């Protein structure tokens, strides 16, 4: 491998790891607390909230729509949730449609999907 290419790879890896050291991308203890300032709401309620509203939902991830988009369902309906692939990897979480979960995140207005939730944490209940 070329020394300059090796240097670039090392630099990018250092940036990536330093982001985790400063809490960017960290999904462990402490990240839930900011989102948990929100109250638990239903999907029906979440659909009417303005952009960037923090929400907590309890229900099931029932279907994959695309790479990071999933359908989340509770007793009041369905909403699209955006769960970054990195979050799944960091948590080592594997779910089926039967697994009840709690997700926390913020409302994001998407032209294609309407309101969706940009998920910041997810845990199996």
Protein backbone atom coordinates (compact mmCIF):
# COMPACT_ATOMS: atom_id res chain seq x y z
CA UNK A 1 0.00 0.00 0.00
CA UNK A 2 1.28 3.44 -0.91
CA UNK A 3 2.55 5.42 2.14
CA UNK A 4 0.42 8.47 1.31
CA UNK A 5 -2.69 6.31 0.95
CA UNK A 6 -1.85 4.62 4.25
CA UNK A 7 -1.50 8.07 5.85
CA UNK A 8 -4.89 9.16 4.51
CA UNK A 9 -6.54 5.98 5.81
CA UNK A 10 -4.91 6.49 9.23
CA UNK A 11 -6.08 10.13 9.30
CA UNK A 12 -9.67 9.21 8.45
CA UNK A 13 -9.66 6.44 11.06
CA UNK A 14 -8.36 8.91 13.67
CA UNK A 15 -11.13 11.38 12.82
CA UNK A 16 -13.74 8.64 13.01
CA UNK A 17 -12.51 7.37 16.37
CA UNK A 18 -12.15 10.86 17.82
CA UNK A 19 -15.78 11.56 16.95
CA UNK A 20 -16.74 8.66 19.21
CA UNK A 21 -14.41 9.89 21.95
CA UNK A 22 -16.28 13.19 22.02
CA UNK A 23 -19.70 11.54 22.08
CA UNK A 24 -20.57 11.87 18.40
CA UNK A 25 -22.17 8.61 17.40
CA UNK A 26 -22.04 7.23 20.95
CA UNK A 27 -25.26 5.41 21.79
CA UNK A 28 -24.59 4.22 25.33
CA UNK A 29 -25.53 5.67 28.70
CA UNK A 30 -26.09 9.40 28.63
CA UNK A 31 -27.46 9.62 25.10
CA UNK A 32 -30.91 8.47 26.12
CA UNK A 33 -31.22 11.18 28.77
CA UNK A 34 -31.61 14.04 26.30
CA UNK A 35 -34.24 12.20 24.30
CA UNK A 36 -35.94 10.96 27.46
CA UNK A 37 -36.76 14.56 28.37
CA UNK A 38 -39.67 13.98 26.01
CA UNK A 39 -42.73 12.11 27.16
CA UNK A 40 -43.75 8.83 25.65
CA UNK A 41 -46.28 9.42 22.87
CA UNK A 42 -48.25 7.38 20.37
CA UNK A 43 -47.57 7.19 16.66
CA UNK A 44 -50.80 9.08 16.04
CA UNK A 45 -49.60 11.95 18.26
CA UNK A 46 -46.08 11.93 16.79
CA UNK A 47 -47.43 12.40 13.27
CA UNK A 48 -48.83 15.82 14.22
CA UNK A 49 -45.75 17.21 16.01
CA UNK A 50 -43.54 19.92 14.52
CA UNK A 51 -40.03 19.23 13.21
CA UNK A 52 -37.32 18.50 15.82
CA UNK A 53 -39.81 17.56 18.57
CA UNK A 54 -38.25 14.89 20.79
CA UNK A 55 -40.40 11.78 21.09
CA UNK A 56 -40.35 8.35 22.68
CA UNK A 57 -42.39 5.58 21.09
CA UNK A 58 -43.09 2.03 22.23
CA UNK A 59 -44.11 -0.62 19.76
CA UNK A 60 -42.60 -2.78 17.03
CA UNK A 61 -40.34 -2.29 14.04
CA UNK A 62 -42.40 -4.32 11.59
CA UNK A 63 -40.85 -3.82 8.16
CA UNK A 64 -37.73 -2.63 6.38
CA UNK A 65 -38.51 -0.09 3.66
CA UNK A 66 -35.01 0.80 2.48
CA UNK A 67 -31.46 0.88 3.84
CA UNK A 68 -32.18 3.00 6.95
CA UNK A 69 -35.97 3.37 6.75
CA UNK A 70 -38.34 1.10 8.64
CA UNK A 71 -42.03 0.99 9.51
CA UNK A 72 -42.68 1.33 13.23
CA UNK A 73 -46.11 0.34 14.58
CA UNK A 74 -48.00 0.82 17.80
CA UNK A 75 -51.70 0.41 18.60
CA UNK A 76 -52.50 3.80 17.00
CA UNK A 77 -50.80 3.34 13.63
CA UNK A 78 -47.59 3.28 11.61
CA UNK A 79 -44.80 5.80 11.10
CA UNK A 80 -41.56 5.68 9.15
CA UNK A 81 -38.47 5.65 11.34
CA UNK A 82 -34.90 6.33 10.23
CA UNK A 83 -32.52 4.03 12.09
CA UNK A 84 -28.94 4.50 10.93
CA UNK A 85 -27.12 1.31 10.09
CA UNK A 86 -24.32 2.40 12.45
CA UNK A 87 -26.77 2.36 15.37
CA UNK A 88 -27.68 -1.28 14.68
CA UNK A 89 -23.99 -2.18 14.47
CA UNK A 90 -22.98 -0.30 17.63
CA UNK A 91 -25.76 -1.84 19.66
CA UNK A 92 -25.38 -5.31 18.16
CA UNK A 93 -29.17 -5.41 18.14
CA UNK A 94 -31.17 -7.93 16.16
CA UNK A 95 -34.94 -7.60 16.11
CA UNK A 96 -37.90 -9.40 14.64
CA UNK A 97 -41.31 -7.85 13.99
CA UNK A 98 -42.52 -9.52 17.22
CA UNK A 99 -39.96 -7.76 19.45
CA UNK A 100 -41.37 -4.82 21.40
CA UNK A 101 -38.99 -1.87 21.50
CA UNK A 102 -38.67 1.66 22.80
CA UNK A 103 -37.26 4.20 20.42
CA UNK A 104 -36.30 7.79 21.06
CA UNK A 105 -35.60 10.43 18.50
CA UNK A 106 -36.81 13.58 16.88
CA UNK A 107 -39.51 14.32 14.37
CA UNK A 108 -38.21 14.95 10.88
CA UNK A 109 -40.43 16.23 8.05
CA UNK A 110 -39.74 14.30 4.86
CA UNK A 111 -41.41 15.25 1.58
CA UNK A 112 -41.82 11.63 0.50
CA UNK A 113 -42.85 10.04 3.79
CA UNK A 114 -44.45 12.87 5.79
CA UNK A 115 -43.39 12.96 9.42
CA UNK A 116 -40.85 10.36 10.40
CA UNK A 117 -38.72 9.78 13.46
CA UNK A 118 -34.95 10.16 13.25
CA UNK A 119 -34.03 7.51 15.82
CA UNK A 120 -31.25 8.33 18.30
CA UNK A 121 -31.64 5.26 20.49
CA UNK A 122 -33.48 1.98 20.43
CA UNK A 123 -33.79 -0.73 23.03
CA UNK A 124 -35.60 -4.01 23.25
CA UNK A 125 -38.25 -4.14 25.97
